[in-house]
Amino acid sequence: MDRQADTLTAGPGHAVTEAVNDAVRAAITRLVQSHEADLDAYKGPIYFMMHGLRSEERARELAAALHAALYGNLTPLTRAVPSTT
């Protein structure tokens, strides 16, 4: 399964903070390192994409978490992709 999220359709006034961008990039990096997403994942800052997700359900969970993060709510992302530390 493939999933992508972007800020391009949010409108010209929407901005993603550096903290959110860093959190999304770190989550995608963890997914790649755990082999849940393919190595060709794209980690922003405006466009995020992952390939090779194991199921439609997981892909939808991650897409929703990415969407929430791009609008400032990191909670779903930290639940979906917990830190390894």
N, C-alpha and C. Protein backbone atom coordinates (compact mmCIF):
# COMPACT_ATOMS: atom_id res chain seq x y z
N MET A 1 0.84 -1.17 0.00
CA MET A 1 0.00 0.00 0.00
C MET A 1 0.88 1.24 0.00
N ASP A 2 0.42 2.26 -0.66
CA ASP A 2 1.12 3.54 -0.68
C ASP A 2 0.24 4.59 -0.03
N ARG A 3 0.88 5.56 0.63
CA ARG A 3 0.15 6.68 1.22
C ARG A 3 0.97 7.93 1.05
N GLN A 4 0.27 9.04 0.88
CA GLN A 4 0.93 10.33 0.77
C GLN A 4 0.09 11.39 1.46
N ALA A 5 0.75 12.42 1.89
CA ALA A 5 0.09 13.57 2.48
C ALA A 5 0.87 14.80 2.05
N ASP A 6 0.18 15.90 1.88
CA ASP A 6 0.89 17.11 1.50
C ASP A 6 0.20 18.33 2.08
N THR A 7 0.89 19.45 2.04
CA THR A 7 0.33 20.71 2.50
C THR A 7 -0.06 21.59 1.33
N LEU A 8 0.08 21.10 0.12
CA LEU A 8 -0.18 21.92 -1.06
C LEU A 8 -1.64 22.34 -1.18
N THR A 9 -2.57 21.52 -0.74
CA THR A 9 -3.99 21.84 -0.89
C THR A 9 -4.54 22.59 0.32
N ALA A 10 -3.73 22.85 1.31
CA ALA A 10 -4.20 23.52 2.52
C ALA A 10 -4.41 25.01 2.32
N GLY A 11 -3.87 25.57 1.29
CA GLY A 11 -4.03 26.99 1.03
C GLY A 11 -2.76 27.75 1.34
N PRO A 12 -2.66 28.96 0.82
CA PRO A 12 -1.42 29.71 0.94
C PRO A 12 -1.08 30.14 2.36
N GLY A 13 -2.05 30.20 3.26
CA GLY A 13 -1.77 30.63 4.63
C GLY A 13 -1.33 29.51 5.56
N HIS A 14 -1.37 28.27 5.09
CA HIS A 14 -1.03 27.14 5.96
C HIS A 14 0.49 26.95 6.00
N ALA A 15 1.01 26.81 7.20
CA ALA A 15 2.43 26.56 7.36
C ALA A 15 2.62 25.42 8.36
N VAL A 16 3.58 24.58 8.09
CA VAL A 16 3.92 23.49 8.98
C VAL A 16 5.13 23.95 9.79
N THR A 17 5.04 23.86 11.10
CA THR A 17 6.15 24.31 11.94
C THR A 17 7.34 23.37 11.79
N GLU A 18 8.49 23.86 12.15
CA GLU A 18 9.70 23.05 12.08
C GLU A 18 9.59 21.84 13.02
N ALA A 19 8.97 22.04 14.18
CA ALA A 19 8.82 20.93 15.13
C ALA A 19 7.94 19.83 14.55
N VAL A 20 6.86 20.20 13.88
CA VAL A 20 5.98 19.20 13.25
C VAL A 20 6.72 18.50 12.13
N ASN A 21 7.41 19.27 11.29
CA ASN A 21 8.16 18.67 10.20
C ASN A 21 9.19 17.68 10.73
N ASP A 22 9.90 18.06 11.79
CA ASP A 22 10.89 17.17 12.38
C ASP A 22 10.24 15.89 12.91
N ALA A 23 9.08 16.02 13.55
CA ALA A 23 8.39 14.86 14.10
C ALA A 23 7.92 13.91 12.99
N VAL A 24 7.40 14.46 11.90
CA VAL A 24 6.95 13.63 10.78
C VAL A 24 8.14 12.93 10.14
N ARG A 25 9.21 13.67 9.91
CA ARG A 25 10.41 13.07 9.32
C ARG A 25 10.94 11.95 10.20
N ALA A 26 10.98 12.16 11.50
CA ALA A 26 11.47 11.14 12.43
C ALA A 26 10.58 9.90 12.40
N ALA A 27 9.26 10.10 12.35
CA ALA A 27 8.33 8.97 12.30
C ALA A 27 8.52 8.16 11.02
N ILE A 28 8.65 8.84 9.91
CA ILE A 28 8.85 8.13 8.64
C ILE A 28 10.19 7.41 8.65
N THR A 29 11.21 8.02 9.22
CA THR A 29 12.52 7.36 9.34
C THR A 29 12.39 6.08 10.16
N ARG A 30 11.63 6.14 11.27
CA ARG A 30 11.43 4.92 12.09
C ARG A 30 10.70 3.84 11.31
N LEU A 31 9.71 4.24 10.50
CA LEU A 31 8.98 3.27 9.68
C LEU A 31 9.91 2.60 8.67
N VAL A 32 10.80 3.37 8.08
CA VAL A 32 11.76 2.81 7.11
C VAL A 32 12.74 1.89 7.84
N GLN A 33 13.26 2.33 8.98
CA GLN A 33 14.23 1.53 9.72
C GLN A 33 13.64 0.21 10.21
N SER A 34 12.35 0.22 10.51
CA SER A 34 11.71 -1.02 10.97
C SER A 34 11.18 -1.85 9.79
N HIS A 35 11.47 -1.41 8.57
CA HIS A 35 11.07 -2.08 7.33
C HIS A 35 9.55 -2.11 7.13
N GLU A 36 8.85 -1.20 7.79
CA GLU A 36 7.41 -1.10 7.59
C GLU A 36 7.09 -0.27 6.34
N ALA A 37 7.98 0.64 5.99
CA ALA A 37 7.85 1.44 4.77
C ALA A 37 9.11 1.23 3.94
N ASP A 38 8.98 1.33 2.63
CA ASP A 38 10.12 1.14 1.74
C ASP A 38 11.12 2.27 1.86
N LEU A 39 12.36 2.00 1.43
CA LEU A 39 13.46 2.97 1.53
C LEU A 39 13.22 4.24 0.73
N ASP A 40 12.33 4.21 -0.26
CA ASP A 40 12.12 5.39 -1.10
C ASP A 40 11.08 6.36 -0.52
N ALA A 41 10.80 6.25 0.76
CA ALA A 41 9.87 7.18 1.40
C ALA A 41 10.38 8.60 1.22
N TYR A 42 9.46 9.52 0.98
CA TYR A 42 9.81 10.93 0.81
C TYR A 42 9.38 11.68 2.05
N LYS A 43 10.32 12.42 2.67
CA LYS A 43 10.09 13.00 3.98
C LYS A 43 10.03 14.53 3.97
N GLY A 44 9.24 15.10 3.10
CA GLY A 44 8.90 16.51 3.16
C GLY A 44 9.98 17.47 2.71
N PRO A 45 9.76 18.74 2.99
CA PRO A 45 8.87 19.29 4.01
C PRO A 45 7.44 19.56 3.56
N ILE A 46 7.19 19.59 2.28
CA ILE A 46 5.83 19.91 1.82
C ILE A 46 5.06 18.66 1.46
N TYR A 47 5.74 17.64 1.08
CA TYR A 47 5.12 16.43 0.56
C TYR A 47 5.74 15.23 1.26
N PHE A 48 4.90 14.31 1.71
CA PHE A 48 5.35 13.11 2.43
C PHE A 48 4.73 11.90 1.76
N MET A 49 5.53 10.86 1.49
CA MET A 49 4.99 9.68 0.83
C MET A 49 5.71 8.43 1.33
N MET A 50 4.93 7.35 1.48
CA MET A 50 5.49 6.06 1.88
C MET A 50 4.93 4.97 0.97
N HIS A 51 5.79 4.02 0.61
CA HIS A 51 5.40 2.86 -0.20
C HIS A 51 5.62 1.60 0.62
N GLY A 52 4.91 0.54 0.24
CA GLY A 52 5.17 -0.77 0.80
C GLY A 52 4.56 -1.03 2.16
N LEU A 53 3.55 -0.27 2.53
CA LEU A 53 2.90 -0.51 3.82
C LEU A 53 2.14 -1.83 3.77
N ARG A 54 2.05 -2.51 4.90
CA ARG A 54 1.58 -3.90 4.93
C ARG A 54 0.10 -4.10 4.67
N SER A 55 -0.72 -3.08 4.96
CA SER A 55 -2.16 -3.27 4.76
C SER A 55 -2.85 -1.94 4.52
N GLU A 56 -4.03 -2.03 3.97
CA GLU A 56 -4.84 -0.82 3.74
C GLU A 56 -5.17 -0.16 5.08
N GLU A 57 -5.47 -0.96 6.08
CA GLU A 57 -5.81 -0.41 7.40
C GLU A 57 -4.64 0.39 7.98
N ARG A 58 -3.44 -0.17 7.90
CA ARG A 58 -2.26 0.54 8.42
C ARG A 58 -1.97 1.78 7.59
N ALA A 59 -2.12 1.67 6.30
CA ALA A 59 -1.90 2.82 5.42
C ALA A 59 -2.87 3.96 5.77
N ARG A 60 -4.13 3.62 6.01
CA ARG A 60 -5.11 4.65 6.39
C ARG A 60 -4.79 5.25 7.75
N GLU A 61 -4.36 4.41 8.69
CA GLU A 61 -3.99 4.91 10.02
C GLU A 61 -2.85 5.92 9.91
N LEU A 62 -1.83 5.58 9.12
CA LEU A 62 -0.69 6.48 8.96
C LEU A 62 -1.06 7.74 8.20
N ALA A 63 -1.90 7.62 7.19
CA ALA A 63 -2.33 8.80 6.44
C ALA A 63 -3.10 9.76 7.35
N ALA A 64 -3.99 9.23 8.18
CA ALA A 64 -4.75 10.07 9.10
C ALA A 64 -3.81 10.72 10.12
N ALA A 65 -2.83 9.96 10.61
CA ALA A 65 -1.88 10.50 11.58
C ALA A 65 -1.02 11.60 10.95
N LEU A 66 -0.59 11.39 9.71
CA LEU A 66 0.17 12.42 9.01
C LEU A 66 -0.66 13.67 8.79
N HIS A 67 -1.90 13.48 8.39
CA HIS A 67 -2.79 14.62 8.17
C HIS A 67 -2.96 15.43 9.46
N ALA A 68 -3.23 14.74 10.55
CA ALA A 68 -3.39 15.43 11.83
C ALA A 68 -2.10 16.17 12.21
N ALA A 69 -0.96 15.53 11.99
CA ALA A 69 0.31 16.17 12.32
C ALA A 69 0.53 17.43 11.50
N LEU A 70 0.20 17.37 10.22
CA LEU A 70 0.39 18.53 9.36
C LEU A 70 -0.47 19.72 9.80
N TYR A 71 -1.51 19.43 10.58
CA TYR A 71 -2.35 20.50 11.11
C TYR A 71 -2.08 20.73 12.60
N GLY A 72 -0.92 20.24 13.08
CA GLY A 72 -0.47 20.57 14.42
C GLY A 72 -0.79 19.59 15.52
N ASN A 73 -1.49 18.50 15.23
CA ASN A 73 -1.84 17.51 16.25
C ASN A 73 -0.94 16.29 16.08
N LEU A 74 0.09 16.20 16.92
CA LEU A 74 1.05 15.10 16.81
C LEU A 74 0.62 13.83 17.55
N THR A 75 -0.43 13.89 18.34
CA THR A 75 -0.84 12.74 19.15
C THR A 75 -1.11 11.49 18.31
N PRO A 76 -1.91 11.56 17.23
CA PRO A 76 -2.12 10.33 16.44
C PRO A 76 -0.83 9.77 15.84
N LEU A 77 0.09 10.63 15.48
CA LEU A 77 1.35 10.18 14.91
C LEU A 77 2.20 9.47 15.96
N THR A 78 2.27 10.03 17.15
CA THR A 78 3.07 9.39 18.21
C THR A 78 2.44 8.08 18.67
N ARG A 79 1.13 7.95 18.53
CA ARG A 79 0.47 6.67 18.84
C ARG A 79 0.75 5.66 17.73
N ALA A 80 0.67 6.11 16.48
CA ALA A 80 0.82 5.20 15.33
C ALA A 80 2.27 4.77 15.13
N VAL A 81 3.21 5.66 15.45
CA VAL A 81 4.62 5.37 15.24
C VAL A 81 5.38 5.81 16.50
N PRO A 82 5.34 5.01 17.55
CA PRO A 82 5.99 5.41 18.80
C PRO A 82 7.51 5.50 18.64
N SER A 83 8.08 6.36 19.44
CA SER A 83 9.53 6.52 19.46
C SER A 83 10.16 5.25 20.02
N THR A 84 11.34 4.94 19.53
CA THR A 84 12.03 3.74 19.98
C THR A 84 12.88 3.99 21.23
N THR A 85 12.89 5.22 21.71
CA THR A 85 13.68 5.52 22.90
C THR A 85 12.84 5.53 24.14
